[in-house]
PDB file of N, CA and C in Angstrom:
ATOM      1  N   UNK A   1       6.408  24.867  14.575  1.00  0.00           N
ATOM      2  CA  UNK A   1       6.518  23.620  13.929  1.00  0.00           C
ATOM      3  C   UNK A   1       7.627  23.586  13.194  1.00  0.00           C
ATOM      4  N   UNK A   2       8.208  22.186  13.271  1.00  0.00           N
ATOM      5  CA  UNK A   2       9.158  22.327  12.148  1.00  0.00           C
ATOM      6  C   UNK A   2       8.875  22.486  10.763  1.00  0.00           C
ATOM      7  N   UNK A   3      10.276  22.721   9.713  1.00  0.00           N
ATOM      8  CA  UNK A   3       9.657  23.038   8.361  1.00  0.00           C
ATOM      9  C   UNK A   3       9.520  22.094   8.084  1.00  0.00           C
ATOM     10  N   UNK A   4       9.797  20.774   8.104  1.00  0.00           N
ATOM     11  CA  UNK A   4       9.505  19.342   7.541  1.00  0.00           C
ATOM     12  C   UNK A   4       7.658  19.284   7.528  1.00  0.00           C
ATOM     13  N   UNK A   5       7.372  19.341   8.868  1.00  0.00           N
ATOM     14  CA  UNK A   5       6.275  19.180   9.112  1.00  0.00           C
ATOM     15  C   UNK A   5       4.806  20.165   8.242  1.00  0.00           C
ATOM     16  N   UNK A   6       5.296  21.375   8.299  1.00  0.00           N
ATOM     17  CA  UNK A   6       4.473  22.256   7.047  1.00  0.00           C
ATOM     18  C   UNK A   6       4.814  21.479   5.728  1.00  0.00           C
ATOM     19  N   UNK A   7       6.163  21.312   5.281  1.00  0.00           N
ATOM     20  CA  UNK A   7       6.262  20.987   3.989  1.00  0.00           C
ATOM     21  C   UNK A   7       5.220  19.649   3.892  1.00  0.00           C
ATOM     22  N   UNK A   8       5.494  18.645   4.655  1.00  0.00           N
ATOM     23  CA  UNK A   8       4.847  17.284   4.435  1.00  0.00           C
ATOM     24  C   UNK A   8       2.988  17.615   4.587  1.00  0.00           C
ATOM     25  N   UNK A   9       2.680  18.555   5.179  1.00  0.00           N
ATOM     26  CA  UNK A   9       1.557  19.082   5.290  1.00  0.00           C
ATOM     27  C   UNK A   9       0.900  19.459   4.191  1.00  0.00           C
ATOM     28  N   UNK A  10       1.526  20.250   3.295  1.00  0.00           N
ATOM     29  CA  UNK A  10       1.173  21.066   2.580  1.00  0.00           C
ATOM     30  C   UNK A  10       1.203  20.239   1.055  1.00  0.00           C
ATOM     31  N   UNK A  11       2.414  19.115   1.158  1.00  0.00           N
ATOM     32  CA  UNK A  11       2.359  18.361  -0.127  1.00  0.00           C
ATOM     33  C   UNK A  11       0.954  16.988   0.443  1.00  0.00           C
ATOM     34  N   UNK A  12       0.628  16.762   1.461  1.00  0.00           N
ATOM     35  CA  UNK A  12      -0.612  16.066   1.179  1.00  0.00           C
ATOM     36  C   UNK A  12      -1.719  16.839   0.929  1.00  0.00           C
ATOM     37  N   UNK A  13      -1.723  17.659   1.320  1.00  0.00           N
ATOM     38  CA  UNK A  13      -2.966  18.933   0.683  1.00  0.00           C
ATOM     39  C   UNK A  13      -3.193  18.998  -0.876  1.00  0.00           C
ATOM     40  N   UNK A  14      -2.040  18.873  -1.310  1.00  0.00           N
ATOM     41  CA  UNK A  14      -1.632  19.084  -2.666  1.00  0.00           C
ATOM     42  C   UNK A  14      -2.321  17.574  -3.590  1.00  0.00           C
ATOM     43  N   UNK A  15      -1.600  16.592  -2.927  1.00  0.00           N
ATOM     44  CA  UNK A  15      -1.824  15.108  -3.175  1.00  0.00           C
ATOM     45  C   UNK A  15      -3.692  14.827  -3.019  1.00  0.00           C
ATOM     46  N   UNK A  16      -4.154  15.046  -1.882  1.00  0.00           N
ATOM     47  CA  UNK A  16      -5.215  15.238  -1.934  1.00  0.00           C
ATOM     48  C   UNK A  16      -6.480  15.830  -2.867  1.00  0.00           C
ATOM     49  N   UNK A  17      -5.751  16.970  -2.962  1.00  0.00           N
ATOM     50  CA  UNK A  17      -6.973  17.758  -4.042  1.00  0.00           C
ATOM     51  C   UNK A  17      -6.422  17.117  -5.268  1.00  0.00           C
ATOM     52  N   UNK A  18      -5.223  16.533  -5.708  1.00  0.00           N
ATOM     53  CA  UNK A  18      -5.221  15.817  -7.085  1.00  0.00           C
ATOM     54  C   UNK A  18      -5.827  14.608  -7.242  1.00  0.00           C
ATOM     55  N   UNK A  19      -6.364  13.964  -6.043  1.00  0.00           N
ATOM     56  CA  UNK A  19      -7.018  12.800  -5.836  1.00  0.00           C
ATOM     57  C   UNK A  19      -8.626  12.891  -5.906  1.00  0.00           C
ATOM     58  N   UNK A  20      -8.562  14.268  -5.145  1.00  0.00           N
ATOM     59  CA  UNK A  20     -10.470  14.577  -5.390  1.00  0.00           C
ATOM     60  C   UNK A  20     -10.649  14.978  -6.799  1.00  0.00           C
ATOM     61  N   UNK A  21     -10.019  15.684  -7.118  1.00  0.00           N
ATOM     62  CA  UNK A  21     -10.522  15.930  -9.022  1.00  0.00           C
ATOM     63  C   UNK A  21     -10.485  15.045  -9.452  1.00  0.00           C
ATOM     64  N   UNK A  22     -10.018  13.498  -9.505  1.00  0.00           N
ATOM     65  CA  UNK A  22     -10.054  12.376 -10.249  1.00  0.00           C
ATOM     66  C   UNK A  22     -11.635  11.665  -9.155  1.00  0.00           C
ATOM     67  N   UNK A  23     -12.062  12.713  -8.328  1.00  0.00           N
ATOM     68  CA  UNK A  23     -13.422  11.779  -7.922  1.00  0.00           C
ATOM     69  C   UNK A  23     -13.090  10.833  -6.410  1.00  0.00           C
ATOM     70  N   UNK A  24     -11.605  10.774  -6.173  1.00  0.00           N
ATOM     71  CA  UNK A  24     -11.135  10.003  -4.651  1.00  0.00           C
ATOM     72  C   UNK A  24     -11.521  10.574  -3.582  1.00  0.00           C
ATOM     73  N   UNK A  25     -11.173   9.915  -2.463  1.00  0.00           N
ATOM     74  CA  UNK A  25     -10.781  10.674  -0.878  1.00  0.00           C
ATOM     75  C   UNK A  25     -10.183   9.704  -0.339  1.00  0.00           C
ATOM     76  N   UNK A  26      -9.555  10.319   0.846  1.00  0.00           N
ATOM     77  CA  UNK A  26      -8.589   9.760   1.312  1.00  0.00           C
ATOM     78  C   UNK A  26      -8.555   8.118   1.786  1.00  0.00           C
ATOM     79  N   UNK A  27      -9.800   7.985   2.015  1.00  0.00           N
ATOM     80  CA  UNK A  27     -10.372   6.419   2.213  1.00  0.00           C
ATOM     81  C   UNK A  27      -9.888   5.455   1.129  1.00  0.00           C
ATOM     82  N   UNK A  28      -9.893   6.261  -0.072  1.00  0.00           N
ATOM     83  CA  UNK A  28      -9.496   5.341  -1.383  1.00  0.00           C
ATOM     84  C   UNK A  28      -7.865   5.254  -1.489  1.00  0.00           C
ATOM     85  N   UNK A  29      -7.035   5.491  -0.661  1.00  0.00           N
ATOM     86  CA  UNK A  29      -5.711   5.572  -0.557  1.00  0.00           C
ATOM     87  C   UNK A  29      -5.410   4.403   0.120  1.00  0.00           C
ATOM     88  N   UNK A  30      -4.445   3.489  -0.452  1.00  0.00           N
ATOM     89  CA  UNK A  30      -4.035   2.110  -0.131  1.00  0.00           C
ATOM     90  C   UNK A  30      -2.513   2.323   0.140  1.00  0.00           C
ATOM     91  N   UNK A  31      -1.677   3.309  -0.531  1.00  0.00           N
ATOM     92  CA  UNK A  31      -0.157   3.286  -0.233  1.00  0.00           C
ATOM     93  C   UNK A  31       0.379   4.625  -0.104  1.00  0.00           C
ATOM     94  N   UNK A  32       1.157   4.958   0.939  1.00  0.00           N
ATOM     95  CA  UNK A  32       1.856   6.321   0.440  1.00  0.00           C
ATOM     96  C   UNK A  32       3.464   6.145   0.615  1.00  0.00           C
ATOM     97  N   UNK A  33       3.982   7.092   0.459  1.00  0.00           N
ATOM     98  CA  UNK A  33       5.362   7.086   0.515  1.00  0.00           C
ATOM     99  C   UNK A  33       5.898   8.374   0.876  1.00  0.00           C
ATOM    100  N   UNK A  34       6.712   8.396   1.561  1.00  0.00           N
ATOM    101  CA  UNK A  34       7.546   9.817   1.864  1.00  0.00           C
ATOM    102  C   UNK A  34       8.917   9.824   1.548  1.00  0.00           C
ATOM    103  N   UNK A  35       9.725  11.092   0.754  1.00  0.00           N
ATOM    104  CA  UNK A  35      10.904  10.992   0.514  1.00  0.00           C
ATOM    105  C   UNK A  35      11.157  12.501   1.673  1.00  0.00           C
ATOM    106  N   UNK A  36      12.063  11.570   2.346  1.00  0.00           N
ATOM    107  CA  UNK A  36      13.013  13.164   3.207  1.00  0.00           C
ATOM    108  C   UNK A  36      14.585  13.370   2.939  1.00  0.00           C
ATOM    109  N   UNK A  37      15.124  14.319   3.127  1.00  0.00           N
ATOM    110  CA  UNK A  37      16.244  14.665   2.782  1.00  0.00           C
ATOM    111  C   UNK A  37      16.902  14.365   4.248  1.00  0.00           C
ATOM    112  N   UNK A  38      16.476  14.592   5.363  1.00  0.00           N
ATOM    113  CA  UNK A  38      16.917  14.384   6.596  1.00  0.00           C
ATOM    114  C   UNK A  38      16.439  13.242   7.766  1.00  0.00           C
ATOM    115  N   UNK A  39      16.901  12.075   8.098  1.00  0.00           N
ATOM    116  CA  UNK A  39      16.345  10.965   8.926  1.00  0.00           C
ATOM    117  C   UNK A  39      15.407  11.766  10.383  1.00  0.00           C
ATOM    118  N   UNK A  40      16.247  12.838  10.850  1.00  0.00           N
ATOM    119  CA  UNK A  40      15.449  13.454  11.881  1.00  0.00           C
ATOM    120  C   UNK A  40      14.003  13.654  11.777  1.00  0.00           C
ATOM    121  N   UNK A  41      13.374  14.039  10.812  1.00  0.00           N
ATOM    122  CA  UNK A  41      12.516  14.562  10.481  1.00  0.00           C
ATOM    123  C   UNK A  41      11.326  13.532  10.378  1.00  0.00           C
ATOM    124  N   UNK A  42      11.857  12.245  10.406  1.00  0.00           N
ATOM    125  CA  UNK A  42      10.928  11.330  10.462  1.00  0.00           C
ATOM    126  C   UNK A  42       9.779  11.191  11.378  1.00  0.00           C
ATOM    127  N   UNK A  43       9.883  11.590  12.886  1.00  0.00           N
ATOM    128  CA  UNK A  43       8.659  11.465  13.634  1.00  0.00           C
ATOM    129  C   UNK A  43       7.706  12.689  13.494  1.00  0.00           C
ATOM    130  N   UNK A  44       8.113  14.260  12.847  1.00  0.00           N
ATOM    131  CA  UNK A  44       7.362  15.018  12.555  1.00  0.00           C
ATOM    132  C   UNK A  44       6.527  14.808  11.311  1.00  0.00           C
ATOM    133  N   UNK A  45       7.058  14.179  10.465  1.00  0.00           N
ATOM    134  CA  UNK A  45       6.342  13.976   9.168  1.00  0.00           C
ATOM    135  C   UNK A  45       5.587  12.599   9.520  1.00  0.00           C
ATOM    136  N   UNK A  46       5.687  11.799   9.985  1.00  0.00           N
ATOM    137  CA  UNK A  46       4.903  10.463  10.570  1.00  0.00           C
ATOM    138  C   UNK A  46       3.461  11.119  11.361  1.00  0.00           C
ATOM    139  N   UNK A  47       4.051  12.000  11.953  1.00  0.00           N
ATOM    140  CA  UNK A  47       2.586  12.713  12.724  1.00  0.00           C
ATOM    141  C   UNK A  47       1.735  13.256  11.825  1.00  0.00           C
ATOM    142  N   UNK A  48       2.537  14.193  10.902  1.00  0.00           N
ATOM    143  CA  UNK A  48       1.376  14.997  10.207  1.00  0.00           C
ATOM    144  C   UNK A  48       0.853  13.764   9.017  1.00  0.00           C
ATOM    145  N   UNK A  49       1.266  12.357   8.972  1.00  0.00           N
ATOM    146  CA  UNK A  49       0.471  11.232   7.800  1.00  0.00           C
ATOM    147  C   UNK A  49      -0.416  10.824   8.821  1.00  0.00           C
ATOM    148  N   UNK A  50      -0.113  10.928  10.039  1.00  0.00           N
ATOM    149  CA  UNK A  50      -1.280  10.392  10.930  1.00  0.00           C
ATOM    150  C   UNK A  50      -2.868  11.425  10.948  1.00  0.00           C
ATOM    151  N   UNK A  51      -2.181  12.677  10.690  1.00  0.00           N
ATOM    152  CA  UNK A  51      -3.497  13.754  11.226  1.00  0.00           C
ATOM    153  C   UNK A  51      -4.192  13.661   9.398  1.00  0.00           C
ATOM    154  N   UNK A  52      -3.955  12.899   8.822  1.00  0.00           N
ATOM    155  CA  UNK A  52      -4.456  12.293   7.459  1.00  0.00           C
ATOM    156  C   UNK A  52      -5.288  11.019   7.218  1.00  0.00           C
ATOM    157  N   UNK A  53      -4.283  10.033   7.493  1.00  0.00           N
ATOM    158  CA  UNK A  53      -4.266   8.842   7.256  1.00  0.00           C
ATOM    159  C   UNK A  53      -4.451   7.943   8.887  1.00  0.00           C
ATOM    160  N   UNK A  54      -4.669   8.795  10.268  1.00  0.00           N
ATOM    161  CA  UNK A  54      -4.433   7.910  11.336  1.00  0.00           C
ATOM    162  C   UNK A  54      -5.561   6.476  11.363  1.00  0.00           C
ATOM    163  N   UNK A  55      -6.807   6.804  10.799  1.00  0.00           N
ATOM    164  CA  UNK A  55      -7.837   5.982  10.867  1.00  0.00           C
ATOM    165  C   UNK A  55      -7.748   5.381   9.876  1.00  0.00           C
ATOM    166  N   UNK A  56      -7.321   5.551   8.338  1.00  0.00           N
ATOM    167  CA  UNK A  56      -7.477   4.421   7.035  1.00  0.00           C
ATOM    168  C   UNK A  56      -6.426   3.751   7.333  1.00  0.00           C
ATOM    169  N   UNK A  57      -5.365   4.213   7.770  1.00  0.00           N
ATOM    170  CA  UNK A  57      -3.962   3.318   8.031  1.00  0.00           C
ATOM    171  C   UNK A  57      -3.329   2.410   6.647  1.00  0.00           C
ATOM    172  N   UNK A  58      -3.456   3.095   5.891  1.00  0.00           N
ATOM    173  CA  UNK A  58      -2.593   2.690   3.944  1.00  0.00           C
ATOM    174  C   UNK A  58      -1.389   2.065   4.468  1.00  0.00           C
ATOM    175  N   UNK A  59      -0.921   1.094   3.499  1.00  0.00           N
ATOM    176  CA  UNK A  59       0.507   0.721   3.728  1.00  0.00           C
ATOM    177  C   UNK A  59       1.771   2.236   3.506  1.00  0.00           C
ATOM    178  N   UNK A  60       2.274   2.144   4.262  1.00  0.00           N
ATOM    179  CA  UNK A  60       3.556   3.687   4.195  1.00  0.00           C
ATOM    180  C   UNK A  60       4.978   3.042   4.280  1.00  0.00           C
ATOM    181  N   UNK A  61       5.689   3.672   3.608  1.00  0.00           N
ATOM    182  CA  UNK A  61       7.073   3.800   3.657  1.00  0.00           C
ATOM    183  C   UNK A  61       7.672   5.328   3.642  1.00  0.00           C
ATOM    184  N   UNK A  62       8.590   4.898   4.074  1.00  0.00           N
ATOM    185  CA  UNK A  62       9.508   6.158   4.402  1.00  0.00           C
ATOM    186  C   UNK A  62      10.988   6.105   4.204  1.00  0.00           C
ATOM    187  N   UNK A  63      11.646   6.619   3.032  1.00  0.00           N
ATOM    188  CA  UNK A  63      12.671   6.813   2.863  1.00  0.00           C
ATOM    189  C   UNK A  63      13.677   8.008   2.740  1.00  0.00           C
ATOM    190  N   UNK A  64      14.777   7.740   2.913  1.00  0.00           N
ATOM    191  CA  UNK A  64      15.809   9.011   3.155  1.00  0.00           C
ATOM    192  C   UNK A  64      16.361   8.854   1.855  1.00  0.00           C
ATOM    193  N   UNK A  65      16.136  10.397   1.214  1.00  0.00           N
ATOM    194  CA  UNK A  65      17.132  10.539  -0.022  1.00  0.00           C
ATOM    195  C   UNK A  65      18.502  11.352   0.477  1.00  0.00           C
ATOM    196  N   UNK A  66      18.942  11.494  -0.767  1.00  0.00           N
ATOM    197  CA  UNK A  66      20.249  12.682  -0.570  1.00  0.00           C
ATOM    198  C   UNK A  66      19.818  14.017  -0.521  1.00  0.00           C
ATOM    199  N   UNK A  67      18.806  13.646  -1.614  1.00  0.00           N
ATOM    200  CA  UNK A  67      18.348  15.437  -2.089  1.00  0.00           C
ATOM    201  C   UNK A  67      17.135  15.318  -2.515  1.00  0.00           C
ATOM    202  N   UNK A  68      16.256  16.295  -3.096  1.00  0.00           N
ATOM    203  CA  UNK A  68      15.412  16.631  -4.110  1.00  0.00           C
ATOM    204  C   UNK A  68      15.802  17.691  -4.661  1.00  0.00           C
ATOM    205  N   UNK A  69      14.568  17.789  -5.671  1.00  0.00           N
ATOM    206  CA  UNK A  69      15.407  18.666  -7.158  1.00  0.00           C
ATOM    207  C   UNK A  69      15.415  19.756  -6.331  1.00  0.00           C
ATOM    208  N   UNK A  70      14.649  20.485  -5.938  1.00  0.00           N
ATOM    209  CA  UNK A  70      14.672  21.887  -4.837  1.00  0.00           C
ATOM    210  C   UNK A  70      15.574  21.581  -3.692  1.00  0.00           C
ATOM    211  N   UNK A  71      16.394  22.357  -3.172  1.00  0.00           N
ATOM    212  CA  UNK A  71      17.105  21.953  -2.149  1.00  0.00           C
ATOM    213  C   UNK A  71      16.425  22.344  -1.198  1.00  0.00           C
ATOM    214  N   UNK A  72      15.575  23.356  -1.322  1.00  0.00           N
ATOM    215  CA  UNK A  72      14.467  23.802   0.005  1.00  0.00           C
ATOM    216  C   UNK A  72      13.822  23.028   0.343  1.00  0.00           C
ATOM    217  N   UNK A  73      13.534  21.909  -0.486  1.00  0.00           N
ATOM    218  CA  UNK A  73      12.695  20.775  -0.315  1.00  0.00           C
ATOM    219  C   UNK A  73      12.794  20.273   0.947  1.00  0.00           C
ATOM    220  N   UNK A  74      12.292  19.650   2.065  1.00  0.00           N
ATOM    221  CA  UNK A  74      12.776  18.646   2.807  1.00  0.00           C
ATOM    222  C   UNK A  74      11.752  17.051   2.772  1.00  0.00           C
ATOM    223  N   UNK A  75      11.294  17.575   2.430  1.00  0.00           N
ATOM    224  CA  UNK A  75       9.736  16.157   2.032  1.00  0.00           C
ATOM    225  C   UNK A  75       9.143  16.304   0.481  1.00  0.00           C
ATOM    226  N   UNK A  76       8.734  15.102   0.011  1.00  0.00           N
ATOM    227  CA  UNK A  76       8.147  15.084  -1.112  1.00  0.00           C
ATOM    228  C   UNK A  76       7.200  13.350  -0.902  1.00  0.00           C
ATOM    229  N   UNK A  77       6.130  13.527  -1.105  1.00  0.00           N
ATOM    230  CA  UNK A  77       5.427  12.203  -1.099  1.00  0.00           C
ATOM    231  C   UNK A  77       4.280  12.019  -2.045  1.00  0.00           C
ATOM    232  N   UNK A  78       3.858  10.700  -2.282  1.00  0.00           N
ATOM    233  CA  UNK A  78       2.853  10.124  -3.121  1.00  0.00           C
ATOM    234  C   UNK A  78       2.275   9.418  -2.523  1.00  0.00           C
ATOM    235  N   UNK A  79       1.186   8.754  -3.098  1.00  0.00           N
ATOM    236  CA  UNK A  79       0.033   8.353  -2.826  1.00  0.00           C
ATOM    237  C   UNK A  79      -0.402   7.071  -3.946  1.00  0.00           C
ATOM    238  N   UNK A  80      -0.998   6.160  -3.410  1.00  0.00           N
ATOM    239  CA  UNK A  80      -1.418   5.250  -5.115  1.00  0.00           C
ATOM    240  C   UNK A  80      -2.991   4.931  -4.357  1.00  0.00           C
ATOM    241  N   UNK A  81      -3.854   5.176  -5.145  1.00  0.00           N
ATOM    242  CA  UNK A  81      -5.229   5.059  -4.238  1.00  0.00           C
ATOM    243  C   UNK A  81      -6.220   3.968  -5.590  1.00  0.00           C
ATOM    244  N   UNK A  82      -7.346   3.617  -5.063  1.00  0.00           N
ATOM    245  CA  UNK A  82      -8.084   3.047  -5.846  1.00  0.00           C
ATOM    246  C   UNK A  82      -9.396   3.251  -5.901  1.00  0.00           C
ATOM    247  N   UNK A  83      -9.558   4.247  -7.143  1.00  0.00           N
ATOM    248  CA  UNK A  83     -11.013   4.819  -7.292  1.00  0.00           C
ATOM    249  C   UNK A  83     -11.778   3.941  -8.130  1.00  0.00           C
ATOM    250  N   UNK A  84     -13.535   3.967  -7.505  1.00  0.00           N
ATOM    251  CA  UNK A  84     -13.956   3.277  -8.615  1.00  0.00           C
ATOM    252  C   UNK A  84     -14.797   4.376  -9.651  1.00  0.00           C
ATOM    253  N   UNK A  85     -15.110   3.660 -10.731  1.00  0.00           N
ATOM    254  CA  UNK A  85     -15.679   4.513 -11.746  1.00  0.00           C
ATOM    255  C   UNK A  85     -16.921   5.041 -11.229  1.00  0.00           C
TER     256      UNK A  85
END
Protein backbone atom coordinates (compact mmCIF):
# COMPACT_ATOMS: atom_id res chain seq x y z
CA UNK A 1 0.00 0.00 0.00
CA UNK A 2 1.43 3.39 -0.91
CA UNK A 3 2.53 5.55 1.99
CA UNK A 4 0.08 8.32 1.03
CA UNK A 5 -2.83 5.90 1.40
CA UNK A 6 -1.70 4.90 4.87
CA UNK A 7 -1.27 8.52 5.89
CA UNK A 8 -4.68 9.46 4.48
CA UNK A 9 -6.34 6.61 6.35
CA UNK A 10 -4.68 7.69 9.61
CA UNK A 11 -5.66 11.34 9.02
CA UNK A 12 -9.32 10.36 8.55
CA UNK A 13 -9.22 8.17 11.68
CA UNK A 14 -7.97 11.15 13.70
CA UNK A 15 -10.41 13.65 12.15
CA UNK A 16 -13.43 11.38 12.58
CA UNK A 17 -12.45 10.56 16.18
CA UNK A 18 -12.37 14.31 16.91
CA UNK A 19 -15.78 14.67 15.26
CA UNK A 20 -17.13 11.79 17.37
CA UNK A 21 -15.91 13.52 20.55
CA UNK A 22 -18.23 16.38 19.59
CA UNK A 23 -21.13 14.00 19.07
CA UNK A 24 -20.82 13.88 15.29
CA UNK A 25 -20.62 11.05 12.83
CA UNK A 26 -19.39 10.70 9.25
CA UNK A 27 -22.90 11.38 7.94
CA UNK A 28 -22.66 14.88 9.44
CA UNK A 29 -19.70 15.77 7.20
CA UNK A 30 -20.61 18.20 4.42
CA UNK A 31 -17.16 19.08 3.05
CA UNK A 32 -13.69 17.55 3.02
CA UNK A 33 -10.30 18.82 1.90
CA UNK A 34 -7.08 16.98 1.10
CA UNK A 35 -3.70 18.64 0.89
CA UNK A 36 -1.19 16.50 -1.02
CA UNK A 37 2.50 17.06 -1.64
CA UNK A 38 2.53 14.88 -4.77
CA UNK A 39 -0.10 14.91 -7.52
CA UNK A 40 0.69 11.25 -8.24
CA UNK A 41 -1.01 10.33 -4.94
CA UNK A 42 -4.43 11.67 -5.94
CA UNK A 43 -5.99 8.34 -6.97
CA UNK A 44 -4.73 6.45 -3.91
CA UNK A 45 -5.88 9.16 -1.49
CA UNK A 46 -9.24 9.53 -3.25
CA UNK A 47 -9.79 5.77 -2.87
CA UNK A 48 -9.26 6.07 0.88
CA UNK A 49 -11.71 8.99 0.97
CA UNK A 50 -14.23 6.71 -0.72
CA UNK A 51 -13.82 4.12 2.04
CA UNK A 52 -15.05 6.66 4.58
CA UNK A 53 -17.39 8.85 2.54
CA UNK A 54 -18.42 6.84 -0.53
CA UNK A 55 -22.10 6.69 0.45
CA UNK A 56 -22.16 10.12 2.10
CA UNK A 57 -20.59 12.06 -0.77
CA UNK A 58 -19.68 15.40 0.87
CA UNK A 59 -18.30 18.19 -1.28
CA UNK A 60 -14.59 17.48 -1.62
CA UNK A 61 -11.48 19.35 -2.71
CA UNK A 62 -7.96 18.09 -3.34
CA UNK A 63 -5.13 20.62 -3.43
CA UNK A 64 -1.49 19.94 -4.25
CA UNK A 65 0.85 22.00 -2.08
CA UNK A 66 4.61 22.56 -2.09
CA UNK A 67 4.99 20.95 1.31
CA UNK A 68 3.59 20.40 4.77
CA UNK A 69 5.09 21.27 8.17
CA UNK A 70 6.80 17.88 8.52
CA UNK A 71 8.54 16.80 5.30
CA UNK A 72 7.57 13.15 5.99
CA UNK A 73 3.89 14.08 5.66
CA UNK A 74 2.41 13.48 2.24
CA UNK A 75 -1.24 14.14 3.16
CA UNK A 76 -3.26 16.38 5.44
CA UNK A 77 -7.05 16.52 5.63
CA UNK A 78 -9.83 18.76 6.92
CA UNK A 79 -13.54 18.28 7.32
CA UNK A 80 -16.54 20.51 7.91
CA UNK A 81 -19.59 19.04 9.59
CA UNK A 82 -22.93 20.16 11.01
CA UNK A 83 -23.76 18.47 14.30
CA UNK A 84 -27.11 18.98 16.00
CA UNK A 85 -27.09 19.90 19.71
